[in-house]
Amino acid sequence: MYGYEKEKDGYSLTTDNSRMDLAMVHQYLSEESYWAKGIPKEVVATSIEHSLCFGLFYETQQIGFARLITDKATFAYLADVFILPAHRGKGLSKWLLQCIHAHPAVQNLRRWLLGTRDAHTLYEQFGWTRFTEGVSQRFMQKHDPEIYNLKMS
């Protein structure tokens, strides 16, 4: 969905995938993130192409990113959320999440999921809750953390 644009304090946000800085997003995910180390650039490009992406910009430079994998009716998985270190501490992650939750295409979803190692308190401010033992047993996963290492060989 093109046309979702927001501005705040010299920053702008867009969901226009053609404006995403693939090189910057790939560099951060493959080298800086704990969840996608070594991810090939082609995989990042495909993930952007098939997701609802949110690019955060300062002037013309992209400084943040998030993407939703969603059917836009019942479910969304929030992934690859980051703000570059030089722009942290300015409330941008909160603004990014506000914009994601307000996007017209994802209103009234029944379930949202995400995975995080260290940002639980950020998401809890937006109504996200941690799984309790009983509920988490309902969910399953197929996870291959070495997939990018195998493809690089």
N, C-alpha and C. Protein backbone atom coordinates (compact mmCIF):
# COMPACT_ATOMS: atom_id res chain seq x y z
N MET A 1 0.85 -1.18 0.00
CA MET A 1 0.00 0.00 0.00
C MET A 1 0.89 1.24 0.00
N TYR A 2 0.85 1.95 -1.09
CA TYR A 2 1.61 3.18 -1.20
C TYR A 2 0.80 4.30 -0.56
N GLY A 3 1.47 5.38 -0.22
CA GLY A 3 0.77 6.53 0.29
C GLY A 3 0.72 6.63 1.80
N TYR A 4 1.21 5.66 2.53
CA TYR A 4 1.24 5.77 3.99
C TYR A 4 2.53 6.47 4.35
N GLU A 5 2.40 7.74 4.65
CA GLU A 5 3.55 8.58 4.96
C GLU A 5 3.25 9.33 6.25
N LYS A 6 4.25 9.45 7.10
CA LYS A 6 4.12 10.19 8.36
C LYS A 6 5.38 11.03 8.55
N GLU A 7 5.25 12.15 9.27
CA GLU A 7 6.40 13.00 9.58
C GLU A 7 6.35 13.43 11.03
N LYS A 8 7.55 13.56 11.62
CA LYS A 8 7.64 13.99 13.01
C LYS A 8 9.06 14.46 13.30
N ASP A 9 9.20 15.69 13.76
CA ASP A 9 10.47 16.24 14.24
C ASP A 9 11.63 16.03 13.26
N GLY A 10 11.40 16.26 11.99
CA GLY A 10 12.46 16.12 10.99
C GLY A 10 12.64 14.70 10.48
N TYR A 11 11.88 13.75 10.99
CA TYR A 11 11.94 12.36 10.55
C TYR A 11 10.70 12.07 9.71
N SER A 12 10.82 11.12 8.82
CA SER A 12 9.67 10.70 8.02
C SER A 12 9.62 9.18 7.98
N LEU A 13 8.42 8.69 7.74
CA LEU A 13 8.19 7.25 7.65
C LEU A 13 7.40 6.99 6.37
N THR A 14 7.75 5.91 5.70
CA THR A 14 7.03 5.51 4.50
C THR A 14 6.90 3.99 4.44
N THR A 15 5.86 3.55 3.75
CA THR A 15 5.70 2.12 3.46
C THR A 15 5.97 1.84 1.99
N ASP A 16 6.52 2.80 1.28
CA ASP A 16 6.85 2.63 -0.13
C ASP A 16 8.12 1.78 -0.24
N ASN A 17 7.96 0.51 -0.61
CA ASN A 17 9.10 -0.41 -0.67
C ASN A 17 10.19 0.07 -1.62
N SER A 18 9.84 0.85 -2.64
CA SER A 18 10.86 1.33 -3.58
C SER A 18 11.81 2.32 -2.94
N ARG A 19 11.45 2.85 -1.78
CA ARG A 19 12.33 3.79 -1.08
C ARG A 19 13.23 3.11 -0.05
N MET A 20 13.03 1.83 0.21
CA MET A 20 13.86 1.14 1.20
C MET A 20 15.29 1.04 0.69
N ASP A 21 16.24 1.33 1.58
CA ASP A 21 17.66 1.27 1.25
C ASP A 21 18.14 -0.16 1.50
N LEU A 22 18.06 -0.98 0.45
CA LEU A 22 18.40 -2.40 0.57
C LEU A 22 19.80 -2.59 1.14
N ALA A 23 20.76 -1.82 0.69
CA ALA A 23 22.15 -1.98 1.17
C ALA A 23 22.24 -1.73 2.67
N MET A 24 21.59 -0.68 3.17
CA MET A 24 21.64 -0.37 4.60
C MET A 24 20.91 -1.43 5.41
N VAL A 25 19.72 -1.82 4.96
CA VAL A 25 18.94 -2.82 5.69
C VAL A 25 19.71 -4.14 5.72
N HIS A 26 20.25 -4.54 4.60
CA HIS A 26 21.03 -5.78 4.55
C HIS A 26 22.25 -5.69 5.46
N GLN A 27 22.97 -4.60 5.41
CA GLN A 27 24.17 -4.45 6.25
C GLN A 27 23.81 -4.59 7.73
N TYR A 28 22.74 -3.91 8.15
CA TYR A 28 22.37 -3.99 9.56
C TYR A 28 21.96 -5.42 9.93
N LEU A 29 21.08 -6.00 9.14
CA LEU A 29 20.59 -7.34 9.48
C LEU A 29 21.71 -8.36 9.46
N SER A 30 22.56 -8.34 8.45
CA SER A 30 23.58 -9.37 8.29
C SER A 30 24.77 -9.20 9.23
N GLU A 31 25.05 -7.95 9.64
CA GLU A 31 26.25 -7.71 10.46
C GLU A 31 25.96 -7.28 11.88
N GLU A 32 24.85 -6.59 12.12
CA GLU A 32 24.59 -6.02 13.44
C GLU A 32 23.52 -6.75 14.24
N SER A 33 22.54 -7.32 13.58
CA SER A 33 21.43 -7.94 14.31
C SER A 33 21.86 -9.28 14.89
N TYR A 34 21.19 -9.69 15.94
CA TYR A 34 21.44 -11.02 16.49
C TYR A 34 20.55 -12.06 15.82
N TRP A 35 19.52 -11.65 15.14
CA TRP A 35 18.54 -12.58 14.60
C TRP A 35 18.75 -12.94 13.13
N ALA A 36 19.57 -12.21 12.40
CA ALA A 36 19.71 -12.51 10.97
C ALA A 36 21.16 -12.43 10.50
N LYS A 37 22.09 -12.70 11.38
CA LYS A 37 23.52 -12.66 11.01
C LYS A 37 23.76 -13.50 9.77
N GLY A 38 24.48 -12.89 8.82
CA GLY A 38 24.86 -13.60 7.63
C GLY A 38 23.77 -13.74 6.58
N ILE A 39 22.63 -13.11 6.77
CA ILE A 39 21.54 -13.25 5.80
C ILE A 39 21.99 -12.72 4.44
N PRO A 40 21.76 -13.47 3.39
CA PRO A 40 22.15 -13.00 2.05
C PRO A 40 21.31 -11.80 1.60
N LYS A 41 21.92 -10.93 0.83
CA LYS A 41 21.24 -9.74 0.34
C LYS A 41 20.00 -10.09 -0.47
N GLU A 42 20.07 -11.16 -1.25
CA GLU A 42 18.93 -11.57 -2.06
C GLU A 42 17.73 -11.96 -1.20
N VAL A 43 18.00 -12.56 -0.05
CA VAL A 43 16.93 -12.95 0.87
C VAL A 43 16.27 -11.70 1.46
N VAL A 44 17.09 -10.71 1.82
CA VAL A 44 16.55 -9.45 2.34
C VAL A 44 15.69 -8.78 1.27
N ALA A 45 16.17 -8.76 0.03
CA ALA A 45 15.41 -8.14 -1.07
C ALA A 45 14.06 -8.83 -1.25
N THR A 46 14.05 -10.15 -1.21
CA THR A 46 12.79 -10.89 -1.36
C THR A 46 11.86 -10.62 -0.19
N SER A 47 12.42 -10.56 1.02
CA SER A 47 11.58 -10.32 2.20
C SER A 47 10.94 -8.94 2.14
N ILE A 48 11.67 -7.95 1.65
CA ILE A 48 11.11 -6.61 1.50
C ILE A 48 10.00 -6.61 0.45
N GLU A 49 10.27 -7.27 -0.66
CA GLU A 49 9.30 -7.32 -1.76
C GLU A 49 7.96 -7.90 -1.33
N HIS A 50 7.97 -8.87 -0.43
CA HIS A 50 6.76 -9.59 -0.06
C HIS A 50 6.22 -9.24 1.33
N SER A 51 6.65 -8.10 1.86
CA SER A 51 6.20 -7.69 3.19
C SER A 51 5.69 -6.26 3.15
N LEU A 52 4.96 -5.89 4.17
CA LEU A 52 4.58 -4.51 4.38
C LEU A 52 5.69 -3.88 5.20
N CYS A 53 6.52 -3.07 4.56
CA CYS A 53 7.71 -2.53 5.20
C CYS A 53 7.50 -1.09 5.63
N PHE A 54 8.21 -0.72 6.68
CA PHE A 54 8.17 0.62 7.24
C PHE A 54 9.60 1.14 7.28
N GLY A 55 9.88 2.15 6.48
CA GLY A 55 11.20 2.77 6.47
C GLY A 55 11.15 4.08 7.20
N LEU A 56 12.10 4.27 8.11
CA LEU A 56 12.20 5.51 8.88
C LEU A 56 13.40 6.28 8.35
N PHE A 57 13.20 7.55 8.03
CA PHE A 57 14.22 8.36 7.39
C PHE A 57 14.50 9.63 8.18
N TYR A 58 15.75 10.05 8.15
CA TYR A 58 16.14 11.39 8.60
C TYR A 58 16.66 12.09 7.36
N GLU A 59 15.95 13.13 6.95
CA GLU A 59 16.19 13.78 5.67
C GLU A 59 16.07 12.72 4.58
N THR A 60 17.13 12.42 3.84
CA THR A 60 17.03 11.40 2.78
C THR A 60 17.66 10.08 3.16
N GLN A 61 18.23 10.00 4.36
CA GLN A 61 18.92 8.78 4.80
C GLN A 61 18.00 7.88 5.61
N GLN A 62 17.92 6.61 5.23
CA GLN A 62 17.13 5.66 6.00
C GLN A 62 17.89 5.31 7.27
N ILE A 63 17.18 5.43 8.41
CA ILE A 63 17.82 5.20 9.71
C ILE A 63 17.08 4.16 10.55
N GLY A 64 16.00 3.61 10.01
CA GLY A 64 15.25 2.60 10.74
C GLY A 64 14.41 1.77 9.79
N PHE A 65 13.94 0.65 10.31
CA PHE A 65 13.22 -0.30 9.45
C PHE A 65 12.39 -1.23 10.31
N ALA A 66 11.31 -1.70 9.76
CA ALA A 66 10.51 -2.78 10.33
C ALA A 66 9.69 -3.36 9.19
N ARG A 67 9.32 -4.62 9.33
CA ARG A 67 8.45 -5.20 8.32
C ARG A 67 7.43 -6.11 8.96
N LEU A 68 6.26 -6.14 8.32
CA LEU A 68 5.18 -7.01 8.74
C LEU A 68 4.95 -8.05 7.67
N ILE A 69 4.89 -9.28 8.08
CA ILE A 69 4.44 -10.36 7.22
C ILE A 69 2.98 -10.56 7.62
N THR A 70 2.06 -10.27 6.71
CA THR A 70 0.65 -10.23 7.10
C THR A 70 -0.28 -10.57 5.96
N ASP A 71 -1.44 -11.09 6.33
CA ASP A 71 -2.51 -11.29 5.35
C ASP A 71 -3.44 -10.08 5.33
N LYS A 72 -3.20 -9.11 6.19
CA LYS A 72 -3.97 -7.87 6.30
C LYS A 72 -5.43 -8.11 6.67
N ALA A 73 -5.71 -9.27 7.23
CA ALA A 73 -7.08 -9.59 7.63
C ALA A 73 -7.14 -10.17 9.04
N THR A 74 -6.24 -11.12 9.34
CA THR A 74 -6.32 -11.82 10.62
C THR A 74 -5.00 -11.88 11.39
N PHE A 75 -3.86 -11.77 10.69
CA PHE A 75 -2.59 -12.10 11.33
C PHE A 75 -1.45 -11.22 10.81
N ALA A 76 -0.50 -10.90 11.70
CA ALA A 76 0.73 -10.21 11.31
C ALA A 76 1.88 -10.69 12.18
N TYR A 77 3.02 -10.86 11.56
CA TYR A 77 4.26 -11.16 12.27
C TYR A 77 5.19 -9.96 12.08
N LEU A 78 5.58 -9.34 13.16
CA LEU A 78 6.46 -8.17 13.12
C LEU A 78 7.91 -8.64 13.19
N ALA A 79 8.72 -8.17 12.25
CA ALA A 79 10.10 -8.66 12.15
C ALA A 79 11.06 -7.52 11.79
N ASP A 80 12.33 -7.78 12.03
CA ASP A 80 13.43 -6.93 11.57
C ASP A 80 13.30 -5.47 12.00
N VAL A 81 12.87 -5.25 13.23
CA VAL A 81 12.70 -3.89 13.74
C VAL A 81 14.04 -3.37 14.25
N PHE A 82 14.47 -2.22 13.72
CA PHE A 82 15.69 -1.61 14.23
C PHE A 82 15.75 -0.12 13.92
N ILE A 83 16.50 0.58 14.75
CA ILE A 83 16.86 1.98 14.56
C ILE A 83 18.38 2.01 14.61
N LEU A 84 19.03 2.69 13.68
CA LEU A 84 20.49 2.78 13.71
C LEU A 84 20.95 3.45 15.00
N PRO A 85 22.08 3.00 15.55
CA PRO A 85 22.54 3.49 16.86
C PRO A 85 22.60 5.01 16.99
N ALA A 86 23.02 5.72 15.98
CA ALA A 86 23.16 7.18 16.07
C ALA A 86 21.82 7.89 16.29
N HIS A 87 20.71 7.21 16.04
CA HIS A 87 19.39 7.83 16.16
C HIS A 87 18.56 7.24 17.30
N ARG A 88 19.17 6.41 18.12
CA ARG A 88 18.45 5.83 19.25
C ARG A 88 18.34 6.85 20.39
N GLY A 89 17.42 6.59 21.29
CA GLY A 89 17.24 7.46 22.44
C GLY A 89 16.42 8.70 22.15
N LYS A 90 15.74 8.74 21.01
CA LYS A 90 14.95 9.90 20.61
C LYS A 90 13.46 9.57 20.51
N GLY A 91 13.08 8.41 21.00
CA GLY A 91 11.67 8.00 20.93
C GLY A 91 11.24 7.47 19.58
N LEU A 92 12.20 7.22 18.69
CA LEU A 92 11.85 6.79 17.33
C LEU A 92 11.28 5.38 17.27
N SER A 93 11.75 4.48 18.13
CA SER A 93 11.20 3.13 18.10
C SER A 93 9.73 3.15 18.53
N LYS A 94 9.40 4.00 19.49
CA LYS A 94 8.01 4.14 19.91
C LYS A 94 7.17 4.73 18.78
N TRP A 95 7.70 5.74 18.12
CA TRP A 95 6.96 6.34 17.01
C TRP A 95 6.77 5.34 15.87
N LEU A 96 7.81 4.58 15.59
CA LEU A 96 7.73 3.55 14.55
C LEU A 96 6.61 2.55 14.88
N LEU A 97 6.56 2.10 16.12
CA LEU A 97 5.52 1.15 16.52
C LEU A 97 4.13 1.80 16.47
N GLN A 98 4.02 3.07 16.85
CA GLN A 98 2.73 3.75 16.74
C GLN A 98 2.26 3.77 15.29
N CYS A 99 3.17 4.07 14.39
CA CYS A 99 2.82 4.12 12.96
C CYS A 99 2.43 2.75 12.43
N ILE A 100 3.15 1.72 12.85
CA ILE A 100 2.82 0.36 12.42
C ILE A 100 1.43 -0.02 12.89
N HIS A 101 1.16 0.19 14.17
CA HIS A 101 -0.14 -0.18 14.72
C HIS A 101 -1.29 0.64 14.13
N ALA A 102 -1.01 1.85 13.66
CA ALA A 102 -2.05 2.72 13.11
C ALA A 102 -2.28 2.50 11.61
N HIS A 103 -1.44 1.71 10.97
CA HIS A 103 -1.57 1.53 9.52
C HIS A 103 -2.95 0.98 9.19
N PRO A 104 -3.63 1.59 8.21
CA PRO A 104 -5.00 1.17 7.88
C PRO A 104 -5.14 -0.30 7.47
N ALA A 105 -4.11 -0.87 6.87
CA ALA A 105 -4.21 -2.25 6.37
C ALA A 105 -4.16 -3.30 7.47
N VAL A 106 -3.81 -2.92 8.70
CA VAL A 106 -3.68 -3.93 9.75
C VAL A 106 -4.56 -3.64 10.96
N GLN A 107 -5.64 -2.96 10.72
CA GLN A 107 -6.60 -2.72 11.80
C GLN A 107 -7.44 -3.97 12.01
N ASN A 108 -7.76 -4.24 13.24
CA ASN A 108 -8.66 -5.34 13.62
C ASN A 108 -8.09 -6.73 13.36
N LEU A 109 -6.77 -6.85 13.37
CA LEU A 109 -6.18 -8.19 13.26
C LEU A 109 -6.44 -8.96 14.54
N ARG A 110 -6.64 -10.24 14.41
CA ARG A 110 -6.89 -11.07 15.58
C ARG A 110 -5.61 -11.37 16.34
N ARG A 111 -4.50 -11.59 15.62
CA ARG A 111 -3.27 -11.96 16.30
C ARG A 111 -2.07 -11.29 15.63
N TRP A 112 -1.17 -10.80 16.48
CA TRP A 112 0.14 -10.30 16.06
C TRP A 112 1.17 -11.12 16.83
N LEU A 113 2.27 -11.44 16.19
CA LEU A 113 3.38 -12.14 16.85
C LEU A 113 4.69 -11.43 16.53
N LEU A 114 5.65 -11.63 17.40
CA LEU A 114 7.02 -11.17 17.16
C LEU A 114 7.94 -11.98 18.04
N GLY A 115 9.21 -11.90 17.74
CA GLY A 115 10.23 -12.51 18.58
C GLY A 115 11.24 -11.44 18.96
N THR A 116 11.60 -11.39 20.23
CA THR A 116 12.62 -10.45 20.69
C THR A 116 13.40 -11.05 21.83
N ARG A 117 14.66 -10.71 21.88
CA ARG A 117 15.51 -11.16 22.98
C ARG A 117 15.61 -10.10 24.07
N ASP A 118 15.45 -8.82 23.68
CA ASP A 118 15.80 -7.77 24.63
C ASP A 118 14.90 -6.53 24.62
N ALA A 119 13.80 -6.54 23.89
CA ALA A 119 12.98 -5.33 23.79
C ALA A 119 11.55 -5.55 24.30
N HIS A 120 11.37 -6.47 25.20
CA HIS A 120 10.03 -6.78 25.71
C HIS A 120 9.31 -5.55 26.26
N THR A 121 10.02 -4.72 27.04
CA THR A 121 9.36 -3.58 27.67
C THR A 121 8.89 -2.55 26.64
N LEU A 122 9.60 -2.41 25.54
CA LEU A 122 9.15 -1.52 24.47
C LEU A 122 7.80 -1.99 23.93
N TYR A 123 7.71 -3.26 23.57
CA TYR A 123 6.48 -3.79 22.97
C TYR A 123 5.32 -3.83 23.98
N GLU A 124 5.64 -4.07 25.23
CA GLU A 124 4.59 -4.11 26.25
C GLU A 124 3.87 -2.76 26.36
N GLN A 125 4.54 -1.67 26.05
CA GLN A 125 3.91 -0.34 26.07
C GLN A 125 2.80 -0.22 25.02
N PHE A 126 2.80 -1.13 24.05
CA PHE A 126 1.83 -1.10 22.97
C PHE A 126 0.84 -2.27 23.05
N GLY A 127 0.73 -2.86 24.23
CA GLY A 127 -0.26 -3.90 24.44
C GLY A 127 0.20 -5.32 24.16
N TRP A 128 1.45 -5.48 23.77
CA TRP A 128 1.98 -6.83 23.55
C TRP A 128 2.18 -7.50 24.91
N THR A 129 1.95 -8.79 24.97
CA THR A 129 2.17 -9.53 26.21
C THR A 129 3.08 -10.72 25.93
N ARG A 130 3.79 -11.11 26.96
CA ARG A 130 4.66 -12.29 26.85
C ARG A 130 3.80 -13.53 26.94
N PHE A 131 4.23 -14.59 26.28
CA PHE A 131 3.52 -15.85 26.39
C PHE A 131 3.63 -16.37 27.81
N THR A 132 2.55 -16.96 28.27
CA THR A 132 2.61 -17.69 29.52
C THR A 132 2.86 -19.15 29.14
N GLU A 133 3.30 -19.93 30.05
CA GLU A 133 3.67 -21.32 29.74
C GLU A 133 2.55 -22.08 29.06
N GLY A 134 1.32 -21.95 29.56
CA GLY A 134 0.21 -22.68 28.97
C GLY A 134 -0.10 -22.27 27.54
N VAL A 135 -0.07 -20.97 27.28
CA VAL A 135 -0.37 -20.47 25.94
C VAL A 135 0.75 -20.83 24.97
N SER A 136 1.99 -20.68 25.41
CA SER A 136 3.11 -20.92 24.49
C SER A 136 3.15 -22.36 24.00
N GLN A 137 2.56 -23.27 24.75
CA GLN A 137 2.53 -24.66 24.32
C GLN A 137 1.62 -24.86 23.12
N ARG A 138 0.75 -23.90 22.83
CA ARG A 138 -0.12 -24.00 21.67
C ARG A 138 0.61 -23.68 20.38
N PHE A 139 1.72 -22.98 20.49
CA PHE A 139 2.44 -22.53 19.30
C PHE A 139 3.63 -23.42 19.03
N MET A 140 3.91 -23.59 17.77
CA MET A 140 5.05 -24.41 17.34
C MET A 140 5.89 -23.59 16.38
N GLN A 141 7.08 -24.08 16.16
CA GLN A 141 7.94 -23.43 15.19
C GLN A 141 8.80 -24.45 14.48
N LYS A 142 9.22 -24.07 13.31
CA LYS A 142 10.25 -24.80 12.58
C LYS A 142 11.35 -23.78 12.40
N HIS A 143 12.48 -23.99 13.03
CA HIS A 143 13.52 -22.97 13.09
C HIS A 143 14.85 -23.57 12.68
N ASP A 144 15.52 -22.94 11.74
CA ASP A 144 16.84 -23.38 11.29
C ASP A 144 17.80 -22.21 11.41
N PRO A 145 18.41 -22.01 12.58
CA PRO A 145 19.28 -20.85 12.79
C PRO A 145 20.56 -20.87 11.97
N GLU A 146 20.90 -21.98 11.37
CA GLU A 146 22.12 -22.08 10.58
C GLU A 146 21.87 -21.94 9.07
N ILE A 147 20.67 -21.62 8.67
CA ILE A 147 20.33 -21.61 7.24
C ILE A 147 21.21 -20.67 6.43
N TYR A 148 21.54 -19.50 6.96
CA TYR A 148 22.36 -18.56 6.20
C TYR A 148 23.80 -19.01 6.14
N ASN A 149 24.27 -19.69 7.16
CA ASN A 149 25.64 -20.23 7.14
C ASN A 149 25.77 -21.31 6.08
N LEU A 150 24.75 -22.15 5.93
CA LEU A 150 24.79 -23.22 4.94
C LEU A 150 24.79 -22.67 3.51
N LYS A 151 24.01 -21.61 3.27
CA LYS A 151 23.91 -21.05 1.93
C LYS A 151 25.16 -20.30 1.53
N MET A 152 25.95 -19.88 2.49
CA MET A 152 27.16 -19.13 2.17
C MET A 152 28.32 -20.04 1.82
N SER A 153 28.19 -21.32 2.14
CA SER A 153 29.28 -22.27 1.90
C SER A 153 29.44 -22.59 0.44
